[in-house]
Structure formats: C-alpha cells, structure tokens
Amino acid sequence: MHGKYHVRTTINGEAVEFLCEPRQSLLECLRDILGLTGSKEGCNDGNCGACTVILDGRIVNSCLVLGAEADGADITTIEGVARGSRLHPVQRAFLEQAALQCGVCTPGLIVAAKALLEAEAQPSEERIRFWLANNLCRCTGYDKIVRAVQQAAHEMQEVNR
C-alpha cells in the first residue's frame, strides 16, 4: 500500500494543505477532501471541461491532474471567481444572458472564460469559441455563452477605462 502525499498549495488565494492518495485526481481532492464542490465531474476523462480550473495561470481539466501534482501550485476554482458576494462580470453575464441551464458545464465555462478575458481584453467571437471549445454544454447551445463572454469583456473594458 502506498502512503499518502502531503500537498501544500494555494487555492483561491488561501494556503491549503491536504493529504491525498497517489491515484487521486485534483478534482477528487478538491471535491472530496477540501469540500470545494463547484468544479463538476462530467466525463472524468478530460473531454467535457466541467472540472476546469486555473493551475499556475493555465486552464486545465482537474480530472486529468493528479492531486499530488498540485504541490506548490496556485489554483483558482469556480469558488474563487467571485469576490465575496460580488460576482465576477463573467458570472453576472452568464446570468443576464441566460447562458446556463442544468449547471454542470457552467463552472468550467466561467473559469475558462475568466482566464480568456485575463489573457485577452477584447477577444473576437471566433477566439471565444476556439478558447471554449474544450468545454461541452449539452443544454444551452453556445450562442448565449458567447454573448455572455462578450458582455463580460465589454463590462471589464468599461471598468478599466
């Protein structure tokens, strides 16, 4: 039997320590050990994007990253997108544009969209669709999601002026 790994990481701006088994994914650690259940398990093989998090500045499917690999990393989950009770512009836009239905894909899409808007202030529709291509939605279709990201980009530009 293998021992557990002691992982020290930063999640949503807070220093966190946990023990995990060598086989446990970051998604399992977030949900089952740390109680951060916002990231969803959709496919558990990296195809749907429901579990998307930002790991050291890059979006990743947390189901494909081992929990032990998070040692020393900086992670942002859906729980870290809002600031207290103040929603991030992407979250507000998803609500206002009705860009969600069942909610399984929503956390991953919001995290990925946030990362896009941090990298590119005014992405084109084509760029938004390309960036979100690894996040599958089976309910809403993508037009409302794209409009929500465009709205958030516009709002973020207005605030930065």
Protein backbone atom coordinates (compact mmCIF):
# COMPACT_ATOMS: atom_id res chain seq x y z
CA MET A 1 0.00 0.00 0.00
CA HIS A 2 1.32 3.42 -0.96
CA GLY A 3 1.46 6.25 1.52
CA LYS A 4 -0.39 9.49 1.11
CA TYR A 5 1.17 12.61 -0.34
CA HIS A 6 1.28 15.79 1.70
CA VAL A 7 0.33 18.63 -0.64
CA ARG A 8 0.85 22.33 0.08
CA THR A 9 -0.83 24.62 -2.41
CA THR A 10 -2.69 27.89 -2.76
CA ILE A 11 -6.34 27.63 -3.70
CA ASN A 12 -8.36 30.77 -4.38
CA GLY A 13 -5.72 32.87 -2.66
CA GLU A 14 -5.53 30.80 0.52
CA ALA A 15 -2.72 28.48 1.61
CA VAL A 16 -4.06 24.93 1.82
CA GLU A 17 -2.58 21.62 2.92
CA PHE A 18 -4.07 18.19 2.40
CA LEU A 19 -3.20 14.51 2.18
CA CYS A 20 -4.06 12.55 -0.93
CA GLU A 21 -3.50 9.12 -2.34
CA PRO A 22 -1.14 8.86 -5.34
CA ARG A 23 -4.02 7.92 -7.68
CA GLN A 24 -6.40 10.73 -6.68
CA SER A 25 -7.08 13.43 -9.23
CA LEU A 26 -7.03 17.09 -8.34
CA LEU A 27 -10.79 17.08 -8.97
CA GLU A 28 -11.26 14.34 -6.35
CA CYS A 29 -9.08 16.25 -3.90
CA LEU A 30 -10.96 19.50 -4.46
CA ARG A 31 -14.38 17.90 -4.08
CA ASP A 32 -13.86 15.02 -1.64
CA ILE A 33 -11.04 16.25 0.60
CA LEU A 34 -11.37 20.04 0.53
CA GLY A 35 -15.15 20.32 0.08
CA LEU A 36 -14.84 22.60 -2.97
CA THR A 37 -17.69 21.05 -4.93
CA GLY A 38 -18.13 23.79 -7.52
CA SER A 39 -15.92 22.03 -10.07
CA LYS A 40 -18.07 19.30 -11.56
CA GLU A 41 -17.23 15.76 -12.61
CA GLY A 42 -18.72 15.36 -16.04
CA CYS A 43 -16.77 12.78 -18.02
CA ASN A 44 -13.74 12.16 -15.76
CA ASP A 45 -11.54 11.68 -18.83
CA GLY A 46 -10.78 15.24 -19.92
CA ASN A 47 -13.36 15.60 -22.68
CA CYS A 48 -16.05 17.85 -21.23
CA GLY A 49 -14.33 20.66 -19.31
CA ALA A 50 -16.81 20.70 -16.43
CA CYS A 51 -13.91 20.43 -13.99
CA THR A 52 -11.82 23.26 -15.48
CA VAL A 53 -9.63 25.16 -13.02
CA ILE A 54 -6.76 27.60 -13.44
CA LEU A 55 -3.48 25.99 -12.38
CA ASP A 56 -0.47 28.30 -12.33
CA GLY A 57 -2.12 30.58 -14.87
CA ARG A 58 -3.22 27.85 -17.31
CA ILE A 59 -6.66 26.29 -17.66
CA VAL A 60 -6.61 22.55 -17.04
CA ASN A 61 -9.10 19.77 -16.59
CA SER A 62 -8.68 18.93 -12.93
CA CYS A 63 -9.76 15.34 -13.60
CA LEU A 64 -6.52 14.87 -15.59
CA VAL A 65 -4.16 16.34 -12.98
CA LEU A 66 -3.08 14.28 -10.01
CA GLY A 67 -3.68 15.90 -6.64
CA ALA A 68 -0.01 15.39 -5.79
CA GLU A 69 0.94 17.48 -8.84
CA ALA A 70 -0.74 20.47 -7.24
CA ASP A 71 2.03 20.72 -4.64
CA GLY A 72 3.35 24.28 -4.73
CA ALA A 73 0.81 25.38 -7.34
CA ASP A 74 -1.55 28.33 -7.40
CA ILE A 75 -5.10 27.18 -8.22
CA THR A 76 -8.28 29.09 -8.93
CA THR A 77 -11.57 27.21 -8.84
CA ILE A 78 -15.08 28.47 -9.51
CA GLU A 79 -15.32 29.27 -5.78
CA GLY A 80 -12.52 31.81 -6.21
CA VAL A 81 -14.00 33.70 -9.16
CA ALA A 82 -16.38 35.96 -7.19
CA ARG A 83 -15.07 38.38 -4.60
CA GLY A 84 -17.20 37.72 -1.54
CA SER A 85 -20.80 38.35 -2.56
CA ARG A 86 -19.72 40.41 -5.60
CA LEU A 87 -19.99 38.31 -8.73
CA HIS A 88 -17.30 38.46 -11.40
CA PRO A 89 -18.50 40.12 -14.64
CA VAL A 90 -18.45 36.71 -16.36
CA GLN A 91 -20.75 35.26 -13.70
CA ARG A 92 -23.15 38.20 -13.95
CA ALA A 93 -23.17 38.00 -17.73
CA PHE A 94 -23.94 34.27 -17.67
CA LEU A 95 -26.98 35.03 -15.50
CA GLU A 96 -28.13 38.02 -17.54
CA GLN A 97 -27.69 36.23 -20.89
CA ALA A 98 -29.34 33.01 -19.61
CA ALA A 99 -26.17 31.17 -20.62
CA LEU A 100 -26.82 28.25 -18.28
CA GLN A 101 -29.42 25.60 -17.70
CA CYS A 102 -28.55 22.42 -15.81
CA GLY A 103 -25.32 23.94 -14.45
CA VAL A 104 -22.94 21.01 -14.91
CA CYS A 105 -20.80 22.80 -17.51
CA THR A 106 -21.21 26.28 -16.07
CA PRO A 107 -18.34 26.34 -13.53
CA GLY A 108 -15.82 25.15 -16.10
CA LEU A 109 -17.06 27.58 -18.73
CA ILE A 110 -16.92 30.51 -16.32
CA VAL A 111 -13.39 29.65 -15.17
CA ALA A 112 -12.22 29.23 -18.78
CA ALA A 113 -13.90 32.48 -19.86
CA LYS A 114 -12.33 34.34 -16.94
CA ALA A 115 -8.90 33.06 -17.99
CA LEU A 116 -9.55 34.14 -21.57
CA LEU A 117 -10.54 37.66 -20.55
CA GLU A 118 -7.45 37.93 -18.35
CA ALA A 119 -5.32 36.98 -21.37
CA GLU A 120 -7.23 39.00 -24.00
CA ALA A 121 -9.33 42.02 -23.16
CA GLN A 122 -11.48 42.01 -26.32
CA PRO A 123 -11.44 38.56 -27.92
CA SER A 124 -13.31 38.06 -31.18
CA GLU A 125 -16.28 35.72 -31.36
CA GLU A 126 -14.07 33.23 -33.19
CA ARG A 127 -11.45 33.43 -30.45
CA ILE A 128 -14.07 32.93 -27.72
CA ARG A 129 -15.47 29.86 -29.48
CA PHE A 130 -11.96 28.46 -30.00
CA TRP A 131 -10.95 29.09 -26.38
CA LEU A 132 -14.10 27.43 -25.01
CA ALA A 133 -14.03 24.51 -27.47
CA ASN A 134 -12.89 22.11 -24.73
CA ASN A 135 -15.94 22.89 -22.61
CA LEU A 136 -19.03 20.99 -23.67
CA CYS A 137 -22.56 22.16 -22.98
CA ARG A 138 -25.42 19.81 -23.70
CA CYS A 139 -28.26 22.16 -22.74
CA THR A 140 -27.92 25.76 -23.83
CA GLY A 141 -26.13 25.79 -27.13
CA TYR A 142 -23.18 28.11 -27.36
CA ASP A 143 -24.62 31.39 -28.67
CA LYS A 144 -25.77 32.58 -25.25
CA ILE A 145 -22.44 31.57 -23.74
CA VAL A 146 -20.51 33.52 -26.38
CA ARG A 147 -22.76 36.55 -25.86
CA ALA A 148 -22.16 36.33 -22.12
CA VAL A 149 -18.39 36.35 -22.60
CA GLN A 150 -18.66 39.29 -24.99
CA GLN A 151 -20.80 41.18 -22.47
CA ALA A 152 -18.31 40.48 -19.68
CA ALA A 153 -15.41 41.63 -21.88
CA HIS A 154 -17.27 44.88 -22.60
CA GLU A 155 -18.06 45.45 -18.91
CA MET A 156 -14.46 44.74 -17.90
CA GLN A 157 -13.20 47.21 -20.51
CA GLU A 158 -15.58 49.89 -19.19
CA VAL A 159 -14.30 49.40 -15.64
CA ASN A 160 -10.66 49.62 -16.78
CA ARG A 161 -11.16 52.95 -18.60
